[in-house]
Protein backbone atom coordinates (compact mmCIF):
# COMPACT_ATOMS: atom_id res chain seq x y z
CA MET A 1 0.00 0.00 0.00
CA PRO A 2 2.15 2.89 -1.26
CA GLY A 3 2.37 5.91 0.97
CA LEU A 4 0.57 4.27 3.88
CA LEU A 5 3.20 5.25 6.45
CA LEU A 6 3.82 8.75 5.12
CA ARG A 7 2.91 11.75 7.26
CA PRO A 8 -0.52 13.26 6.37
CA LEU A 9 -0.34 16.83 5.09
CA ASN A 10 -2.87 18.17 7.61
CA GLU A 11 -1.23 16.68 10.68
CA ARG A 12 -1.19 18.78 13.87
CA PRO A 13 2.07 19.42 15.78
CA SER A 14 0.68 17.47 18.77
CA GLN A 15 0.18 14.42 16.54
CA VAL A 16 3.75 14.66 15.25
CA ALA A 17 5.15 14.86 18.80
CA LEU A 18 3.08 11.93 20.08
CA ARG A 19 3.85 9.78 17.06
CA LYS A 20 7.55 10.39 17.65
CA VAL A 21 7.16 9.00 21.18
CA VAL A 22 5.32 5.92 19.91
CA VAL A 23 7.69 4.87 17.12
CA THR A 24 11.11 6.00 18.41
CA ASN A 25 13.67 3.34 19.37
CA LEU A 26 11.47 0.31 18.70
CA ASP A 27 14.61 -1.80 18.27
CA ARG A 28 16.63 -0.43 21.22
CA PRO A 29 16.54 -2.75 24.23
CA ASP A 30 18.44 -0.13 26.25
CA THR A 31 15.61 2.36 25.85
CA TYR A 32 12.57 0.16 25.28
CA PRO A 33 11.67 -3.45 26.13
CA THR A 34 11.85 -5.21 22.78
CA LEU A 35 11.52 -8.83 21.69
CA SER A 36 14.49 -10.89 22.82
CA GLU A 37 16.80 -12.63 20.37
CA THR A 38 15.52 -15.96 21.73
CA THR A 39 11.90 -15.03 20.98
CA VAL A 40 12.68 -13.96 17.42
CA ARG A 41 14.63 -17.19 16.83
CA VAL A 42 11.81 -19.32 18.24
CA MET A 43 9.28 -17.60 15.98
CA GLY A 44 11.49 -18.45 13.03
CA MET A 45 11.82 -22.08 14.14
CA ALA A 46 8.05 -22.44 14.42
CA ASN A 47 7.85 -22.35 10.62
CA ARG A 48 10.87 -24.57 9.92
CA PRO A 49 10.18 -28.24 9.17
CA ASP A 50 13.77 -29.14 10.07
CA ALA A 51 13.72 -27.65 13.60
CA SER A 52 14.87 -30.23 16.15
CA VAL A 53 14.20 -31.02 19.79
CA ALA A 54 17.88 -30.47 20.56
CA GLU A 55 17.82 -27.02 18.96
CA ILE A 56 14.74 -25.87 20.85
CA SER A 57 15.98 -27.36 24.12
CA ALA A 58 19.29 -25.53 23.80
CA LEU A 59 17.47 -22.21 23.35
CA VAL A 60 15.19 -22.84 26.34
CA ARG A 61 18.09 -23.74 28.65
CA ARG A 62 19.65 -20.31 28.03
CA ASP A 63 16.82 -18.60 29.91
CA GLY A 64 15.73 -19.75 33.35
CA MET A 65 12.29 -18.15 33.05
CA LEU A 66 11.59 -19.87 29.74
CA ALA A 67 12.82 -23.20 31.11
CA ALA A 68 10.51 -22.89 34.12
CA GLY A 69 7.55 -22.10 31.87
CA VAL A 70 8.20 -25.07 29.58
CA LEU A 71 8.57 -27.46 32.53
CA ARG A 72 5.39 -26.12 34.12
CA ALA A 73 3.45 -26.53 30.88
CA ALA A 74 4.81 -30.02 30.20
CA ASN A 75 3.92 -31.24 33.67
CA SER A 76 0.45 -29.67 33.52
CA CYS A 77 -0.36 -31.62 30.35
CA ALA A 78 0.95 -34.96 31.67
CA VAL A 79 -1.42 -37.91 31.78
CA ARG A 80 -2.52 -38.97 35.23
CA GLY A 81 0.15 -40.96 37.04
CA ALA A 82 2.97 -39.83 34.73
CA LYS A 83 6.27 -38.98 36.38
CA GLU A 84 7.04 -35.29 36.84
CA ILE A 85 9.53 -34.00 34.30
CA GLU A 86 12.58 -32.06 35.45
CA ASP A 87 14.56 -32.04 32.19
CA VAL A 88 13.97 -29.44 29.48
CA ARG A 89 14.52 -31.87 26.60
CA ALA A 90 11.98 -34.31 28.02
CA ALA A 91 9.56 -31.41 28.48
CA VAL A 92 9.91 -30.36 24.84
CA LEU A 93 9.32 -33.95 23.73
CA ARG A 94 6.18 -34.24 25.85
CA MET A 95 4.73 -30.95 24.61
CA GLY A 96 5.80 -31.34 21.00
CA LEU A 97 7.95 -28.91 19.02
CA GLN A 98 5.10 -26.80 17.68
CA GLU A 99 3.34 -26.38 21.01
CA CYS A 100 6.63 -25.58 22.73
CA CYS A 101 7.42 -22.89 20.13
CA ASN A 102 3.95 -21.43 20.61
CA LEU A 103 4.40 -21.21 24.37
CA LEU A 104 7.84 -19.64 24.05
CA SER A 105 6.46 -17.05 21.63
CA VAL A 106 3.74 -16.05 24.11
CA MET A 107 6.24 -15.77 26.94
CA GLY A 108 8.47 -13.68 24.70
CA VAL A 109 5.67 -11.23 23.89
CA LYS A 110 5.04 -10.75 27.62
CA THR A 111 8.59 -9.41 27.99
CA VAL A 112 7.58 -6.38 25.91
CA TYR A 113 5.70 -5.02 28.93
CA ASN A 114 6.82 -6.99 31.98
CA ARG A 115 8.71 -4.00 33.46
CA CYS A 116 5.79 -1.62 33.17
CA SER A 117 3.54 -0.37 35.96
CA PRO A 118 0.84 -2.76 37.24
CA ALA A 119 -1.87 -0.73 35.48
CA VAL A 120 -0.12 -0.95 32.10
CA GLN A 121 0.65 -4.65 32.62
CA GLU A 122 -3.04 -5.30 33.28
CA ARG A 123 -4.01 -3.53 30.05
CA CYS A 124 -1.39 -5.43 28.10
CA ASP A 125 -2.42 -8.78 29.61
CA THR A 126 -5.94 -8.14 28.30
CA ILE A 127 -4.59 -7.45 24.80
CA LEU A 128 -2.36 -10.54 24.97
CA LYS A 129 -5.31 -12.72 25.99
CA HIS A 130 -7.24 -11.47 22.96
CA SER A 131 -4.26 -12.04 20.65
CA LEU A 132 -3.63 -15.54 22.02
CA PHE A 133 -7.28 -16.45 21.46
CA VAL A 134 -6.95 -15.22 17.85
CA ALA A 135 -3.77 -17.27 17.47
CA ARG A 136 -5.36 -20.42 18.88
CA LEU A 137 -8.54 -20.12 16.85
CA ALA A 138 -6.73 -19.27 13.62
CA SER A 139 -4.30 -22.18 14.00
CA GLY A 140 -7.22 -24.51 14.79
CA ILE A 141 -8.96 -23.40 11.59
CA SER A 142 -5.68 -23.82 9.72
CA SER A 143 -5.24 -27.39 10.94
CA GLU A 144 -8.86 -28.40 10.37
CA LEU A 145 -9.37 -26.86 6.95
CA GLY A 146 -5.85 -26.76 5.52
CA ILE A 147 -5.58 -22.97 5.34
CA GLY A 148 -1.95 -21.88 5.61
CA GLN A 149 0.67 -23.43 7.92
CA PRO A 150 -0.41 -23.80 11.59
CA GLY A 151 2.96 -22.58 12.91
CA SER A 152 3.02 -19.36 10.92
CA VAL A 153 -0.72 -18.84 11.48
CA PHE A 154 -0.31 -19.06 15.26
CA THR A 155 2.57 -16.57 15.25
CA ALA A 156 0.72 -14.14 12.98
CA GLY A 157 -2.35 -14.31 15.23
CA LEU A 158 -0.28 -13.79 18.35
CA LEU A 159 1.55 -10.78 16.90
CA HIS A 160 -1.20 -9.11 14.87
CA ASP A 161 -2.06 -6.61 17.65
CA LEU A 162 1.46 -5.99 18.89
CA GLY A 163 1.00 -2.35 17.90
CA ARG A 164 -1.62 -2.04 20.63
CA LEU A 165 0.89 -3.28 23.21
CA VAL A 166 3.50 -0.84 21.95
CA ALA A 167 1.04 2.05 22.22
CA CYS A 168 0.06 1.09 25.77
CA VAL A 169 3.71 0.80 26.86
CA LYS A 170 5.04 3.92 25.18
CA CYS A 171 2.02 6.15 25.93
CA PRO A 172 0.79 4.81 29.30
CA GLU A 173 -1.17 7.95 30.17
CA ASN A 174 -2.73 8.43 26.74
CA SER A 175 -6.52 8.02 26.72
CA THR A 176 -6.54 6.45 23.25
CA ALA A 177 -3.99 3.83 24.34
CA ALA A 178 -6.12 3.00 27.39
CA ALA A 179 -9.26 2.70 25.26
CA LEU A 180 -7.56 0.12 23.03
CA VAL A 181 -7.97 -2.48 25.76
CA SER A 182 -11.76 -2.70 25.84
CA ALA A 183 -12.80 -1.38 22.44
CA ASP A 184 -13.64 -3.61 19.49
CA GLU A 185 -11.22 -2.90 16.69
CA THR A 186 -13.64 -1.17 14.37
CA ASP A 187 -12.91 1.40 11.70
CA GLU A 188 -13.88 4.03 14.26
CA VAL A 189 -11.09 2.88 16.59
CA ILE A 190 -8.62 3.08 13.72
CA ARG A 191 -9.78 6.63 13.00
CA SER A 192 -9.40 7.57 16.68
CA GLU A 193 -5.84 6.25 16.73
CA ARG A 194 -4.89 8.21 13.65
CA GLU A 195 -6.50 11.31 15.11
CA ALA A 196 -4.47 10.97 18.33
CA TRP A 197 -1.13 9.70 17.02
CA GLY A 198 -1.06 10.35 13.28
CA LEU A 199 -0.95 6.59 12.65
CA ASP A 200 -2.85 3.48 13.81
CA HIS A 201 -1.82 0.38 15.76
CA CYS A 202 -1.47 -1.58 12.50
CA GLU A 203 1.26 0.78 11.32
CA ILE A 204 2.88 0.86 14.77
CA GLY A 205 3.03 -2.95 14.77
CA HIS A 206 4.49 -3.03 11.27
CA GLN A 207 7.25 -0.59 12.24
CA PHE A 208 7.96 -2.67 15.36
CA ALA A 209 8.17 -5.84 13.26
CA THR A 210 10.54 -4.20 10.80
CA ALA A 211 12.76 -2.83 13.57
CA ASN A 212 12.94 -6.25 15.22
CA ARG A 213 13.54 -8.11 11.91
CA LEU A 214 10.48 -10.31 12.22
CA PRO A 215 9.42 -12.42 9.20
CA GLU A 216 7.72 -10.49 6.41
CA ALA A 217 4.48 -12.46 6.67
CA MET A 218 4.15 -11.50 10.35
CA ALA A 219 4.82 -7.84 9.57
CA GLN A 220 2.15 -7.85 6.86
CA ALA A 221 -0.38 -9.48 9.19
CA MET A 222 0.21 -6.64 11.65
CA LEU A 223 -0.11 -4.02 8.93
CA ASN A 224 -3.13 -5.32 7.01
CA HIS A 225 -5.33 -7.32 9.40
CA HIS A 226 -7.92 -4.51 9.17
CA ARG A 227 -7.54 -4.23 5.40
CA PRO A 228 -6.78 -7.72 4.04
CA ALA A 229 -8.13 -6.82 0.60
CA GLY A 230 -5.04 -4.64 0.19
CA GLU A 231 -2.65 -7.50 0.90
CA GLU A 232 -1.18 -9.29 -2.09
CA LYS A 233 1.76 -11.51 -1.18
CA HIS A 234 0.31 -13.07 2.01
CA ARG A 235 -3.39 -12.62 1.27
CA GLU A 236 -4.68 -15.93 2.67
CA LEU A 237 -2.77 -15.64 5.95
CA VAL A 238 -3.72 -12.01 6.53
CA ALA A 239 -7.37 -12.63 5.61
CA LEU A 240 -7.54 -15.60 7.99
CA ILE A 241 -6.26 -13.43 10.85
CA ALA A 242 -8.71 -10.66 9.92
CA VAL A 243 -11.71 -13.02 9.88
CA THR A 244 -10.61 -14.79 13.06
CA GLU A 245 -10.25 -11.51 14.94
CA ARG A 246 -13.85 -10.59 14.07
CA MET A 247 -15.03 -13.97 15.38
CA VAL A 248 -12.99 -13.64 18.57
CA ALA A 249 -14.46 -10.18 19.23
CA HIS A 250 -17.95 -11.71 18.94
CA VAL A 251 -17.10 -14.61 21.26
CA GLN A 252 -15.54 -12.30 23.85
CA ARG A 253 -18.71 -10.19 23.86
CA LYS A 254 -21.28 -13.01 23.71
CA HIS A 255 -19.23 -15.86 25.27
CA ASN A 256 -20.09 -18.20 22.40
CA ILE A 257 -20.04 -18.32 18.61
CA VAL A 258 -23.81 -18.80 18.32
CA GLY A 259 -25.40 -16.13 16.15
CA TYR A 260 -22.23 -15.04 14.43
CA ASN A 261 -22.88 -14.48 10.74
CA LEU A 262 -19.63 -15.45 9.04
CA VAL A 263 -20.93 -14.50 5.59
CA ALA A 264 -21.61 -10.95 6.82
CA CYS A 265 -17.99 -10.54 7.94
CA PRO A 266 -16.51 -7.94 5.55
CA HIS A 267 -13.21 -9.86 5.35
CA PHE A 268 -14.64 -13.32 4.68
CA PRO A 269 -14.95 -12.81 0.88
CA VAL A 270 -11.20 -12.08 0.80
CA LEU A 271 -10.44 -15.33 2.62
CA ALA A 272 -12.95 -17.37 0.64
CA ARG A 273 -11.88 -16.06 -2.76
CA GLY A 274 -11.78 -19.02 -5.13
CA TRP A 275 -13.33 -21.46 -2.64
CA PRO A 276 -15.90 -23.97 -3.88
CA PRO A 277 -19.26 -23.70 -2.05
CA SER A 278 -18.54 -26.95 -0.21
CA ARG A 279 -15.51 -25.46 1.54
CA ALA A 280 -17.47 -22.55 2.99
CA SER A 281 -20.07 -25.03 4.26
CA GLU A 282 -17.32 -27.14 5.81
CA PHE A 283 -15.93 -24.05 7.52
CA HIS A 284 -19.33 -23.28 9.08
CA LYS A 285 -19.83 -26.81 10.38
CA ALA A 286 -16.38 -27.11 11.92
CA LEU A 287 -16.36 -23.69 13.57
CA PRO A 288 -18.21 -24.32 16.90
CA GLU A 289 -15.95 -27.20 17.92
CA ILE A 290 -12.80 -25.31 16.89
CA VAL A 291 -13.90 -22.28 18.94
CA VAL A 292 -14.48 -24.36 22.08
CA GLN A 293 -11.08 -26.02 21.75
CA ALA A 294 -9.39 -22.65 21.15
CA MET A 295 -10.95 -21.27 24.34
CA ARG A 296 -9.62 -24.23 26.33
CA ASP A 297 -6.17 -23.98 24.79
CA THR A 298 -6.02 -20.25 25.48
CA ARG A 299 -6.81 -20.73 29.17
CA THR A 300 -4.25 -23.53 29.48
CA MET A 301 -1.46 -21.55 27.86
CA LEU A 302 -2.16 -18.44 29.92
CA LYS A 303 -1.78 -20.55 33.07
CA SER A 304 1.51 -21.95 31.82
CA CYS A 305 2.79 -18.42 31.24
CA GLY A 306 2.08 -17.48 34.83
């Protein structure tokens, strides 16, 4: 989308100043809590078919907090009567490579705000819960219906709203940043962000992804999850995240998927482009069970992350 990140001609000085606060030093760990090298490497491994247990285990052992989280998660998912695991490699084997990478990615995202005030941490935890639900539901749809790769889908879902976290951390007293926590991400919210900062959380997330050298597909999911029709190279992935986020917003309001009109979702035609009618029907039928499982998986992973 040419010119998307360029400064609007009618921007006010206050917008320029606030935007500078939001987007300055996104890759400087000495001035701003950024994604760790371990987290970025794990997110890359999640999409690699040749990633090994030994490789993941070696990364986990480098960080005591990550090791504790993996052990806690592995022991929580043990079958009744199974011996408690105390070795990282055994924990990775029990969880599985993909699930372990997913957990490590969530724990890594939490480090973006874990040194903030309790009030900001609470806001960010709410955003992370939403993003994790999107990640779980999108990867469940991916596995069930063969849309995209589950590993990359999970990571894209987890990171799609990272711009909201950045805004909350870098502008903790800003009313627009605080409103991001509870508001549905409608076009009106996007307009409010641009009015306050001169850019929206999609653009903030994209700049963060670029500064931290995250994979291109993840950066595009951050940038275009509110406008998937404008995405070309990663259209299916971005459209899946866009549709899933709409469903998650409905479930978080209504506490179930009943009554959600998938066909009325403005992003569904982008996702379903080229689908035969039978595939859309299959999507509808599978959705309730996938949603329930995603809710369970979200709760379990949040517990593992402490």
